Protein backbone atom coordinates (compact mmCIF):
# COMPACT_ATOMS: atom_id res chain seq x y z
CA MET A 1 0.00 0.00 0.00
CA ASN A 2 1.03 3.50 -0.68
CA LEU A 3 1.72 5.58 2.46
CA LYS A 4 -0.15 8.51 0.92
CA HIS A 5 -3.36 6.44 0.57
CA VAL A 6 -3.11 5.14 4.14
CA LEU A 7 -2.61 8.67 5.49
CA ILE A 8 -5.56 10.06 3.51
CA GLY A 9 -7.75 7.16 4.66
CA ALA A 10 -6.79 7.77 8.30
CA ILE A 11 -7.57 11.49 8.00
CA VAL A 12 -10.96 10.81 6.39
CA LEU A 13 -11.80 8.24 9.09
CA ALA A 14 -10.78 10.70 11.83
CA VAL A 15 -12.96 13.44 10.31
CA PHE A 16 -15.98 11.12 10.19
CA LEU A 17 -15.46 9.95 13.76
CA LEU A 18 -15.04 13.48 15.12
CA GLY A 19 -18.04 14.70 13.12
CA GLY A 20 -20.20 11.87 14.42
CA LEU A 21 -19.09 12.53 17.98
CA TRP A 22 -19.83 16.25 17.58
CA LEU A 23 -23.34 15.52 16.24
CA PHE A 24 -24.01 13.06 19.04
CA LEU A 25 -22.88 15.42 21.80
CA ARG A 26 -24.90 18.41 20.60
CA GLN A 27 -28.11 16.42 20.17
CA VAL A 28 -31.14 17.53 22.23
CA PRO A 29 -34.12 15.20 22.52
CA PRO A 30 -36.89 16.84 20.42
CA SER A 31 -39.77 15.67 22.64
CA HIS A 32 -38.17 17.28 25.70
CA THR A 33 -37.62 20.55 23.83
CA LEU A 34 -41.15 20.68 22.47
CA SER A 35 -42.79 19.88 25.78
CA SER A 36 -40.68 22.57 27.48
CA PHE A 37 -41.63 25.00 24.73
CA GLN A 38 -45.32 24.12 25.07
CA GLN A 39 -45.23 24.61 28.84
CA THR A 40 -43.49 27.98 28.48
CA CYS A 41 -45.88 29.02 25.71
CA ILE A 42 -48.99 28.11 27.70
CA GLU A 43 -47.71 29.88 30.82
CA GLY A 44 -46.94 32.98 28.74
CA GLN A 45 -50.40 32.95 27.21
CA ARG A 46 -52.00 32.56 30.66
CA ARG A 47 -49.99 35.49 32.00
CA GLY A 48 -51.06 37.56 29.00
CA ILE A 49 -54.72 36.78 29.61
CA SER A 50 -55.06 36.76 33.38
CA GLY A 51 -51.79 38.14 34.74
CA ASN A 52 -50.70 34.89 36.42
CA ALA A 53 -49.79 31.34 35.39
CA ARG A 54 -52.76 29.55 36.98
CA PRO A 55 -54.86 27.38 34.64
CA LEU A 56 -57.89 29.00 33.03
CA ASP A 57 -61.22 27.43 32.05
CA ASP A 58 -61.15 24.28 29.92
CA ALA A 59 -62.19 25.93 26.65
CA THR A 60 -59.45 28.57 26.96
CA GLU A 61 -56.84 25.97 27.93
CA THR A 62 -57.77 23.92 24.86
CA ARG A 63 -57.37 26.99 22.63
CA LEU A 64 -54.02 27.84 24.23
CA LEU A 65 -52.73 24.31 23.74
CA ALA A 66 -53.86 24.30 20.09
CA PHE A 67 -52.12 27.65 19.50
CA CYS A 68 -48.89 26.53 21.18
CA ASP A 69 -48.93 23.22 19.25
CA CYS A 70 -49.37 25.15 16.01
CA VAL A 71 -46.46 27.47 16.83
CA ALA A 72 -44.23 24.51 17.74
CA GLU A 73 -45.04 22.69 14.49
CA GLU A 74 -44.55 25.80 12.37
CA VAL A 75 -41.24 26.70 14.04
CA VAL A 76 -39.86 23.21 13.43
CA SER A 77 -40.98 23.18 9.81
CA ARG A 78 -40.20 26.79 8.81
CA LEU A 79 -37.09 27.75 10.79
CA SER A 80 -33.62 26.29 10.46
CA GLN A 81 -31.66 24.96 13.43
CA GLN A 82 -29.46 28.06 13.22
CA ASP A 83 -32.53 30.32 13.43
CA ILE A 84 -33.84 28.42 16.46
CA ALA A 85 -30.44 28.60 18.12
CA ALA A 86 -30.25 32.36 17.46
CA ILE A 87 -33.65 32.81 19.09
CA GLY A 88 -32.57 30.74 22.09
CA LEU A 89 -29.39 32.80 22.46
CA GLU A 90 -31.38 36.05 22.06
CA GLN A 91 -29.44 36.91 18.89
CA SER A 92 -32.40 37.09 16.57
CA SER A 93 -32.28 39.16 13.38
CA GLN A 94 -34.99 41.12 11.59
CA ALA A 95 -35.41 38.24 9.11
CA ILE A 96 -35.98 35.73 11.91
CA ASP A 97 -38.36 38.13 13.67
CA ALA A 98 -40.34 38.47 10.43
CA LYS A 99 -40.57 34.68 10.11
CA LEU A 100 -41.78 34.43 13.72
CA ALA A 101 -44.38 37.16 13.15
CA ALA A 102 -45.70 35.23 10.13
CA ILE A 103 -45.84 32.02 12.18
CA PHE A 104 -47.75 33.74 15.00
CA ALA A 105 -50.18 35.33 12.52
CA ARG A 106 -50.78 31.99 10.80
CA CYS A 107 -51.42 30.23 14.11
CA ARG A 108 -53.74 33.00 15.34
CA MET A 109 -55.79 32.62 12.16
CA ARG A 110 -56.01 28.84 12.66
CA ASN A 111 -56.88 29.15 16.36
CA PRO A 112 -58.91 32.32 16.93
């Protein structure tokens, strides 16, 4: 075997291993993230309506859950991972804010 081929193969293998390790270590379970988001969203909506985080009547709670589910689905489907990370780090741009405004408007129309 040629030493050059062995060295290139070792470098490629190392890159794949390090890349896989990096992807594995930065992974966040999606169900945990969405349920945390839904809880935060519902509490925020409750505070906006009544001023505190106590549960409201059943019909309102159902509407709030439907709205928060819609926002979660739209965010996952319409925003990139980089956009979501920027929002989480409070480094949002005007473009991301415009996307979020469109998502909120769409979900308000679906869940009046």
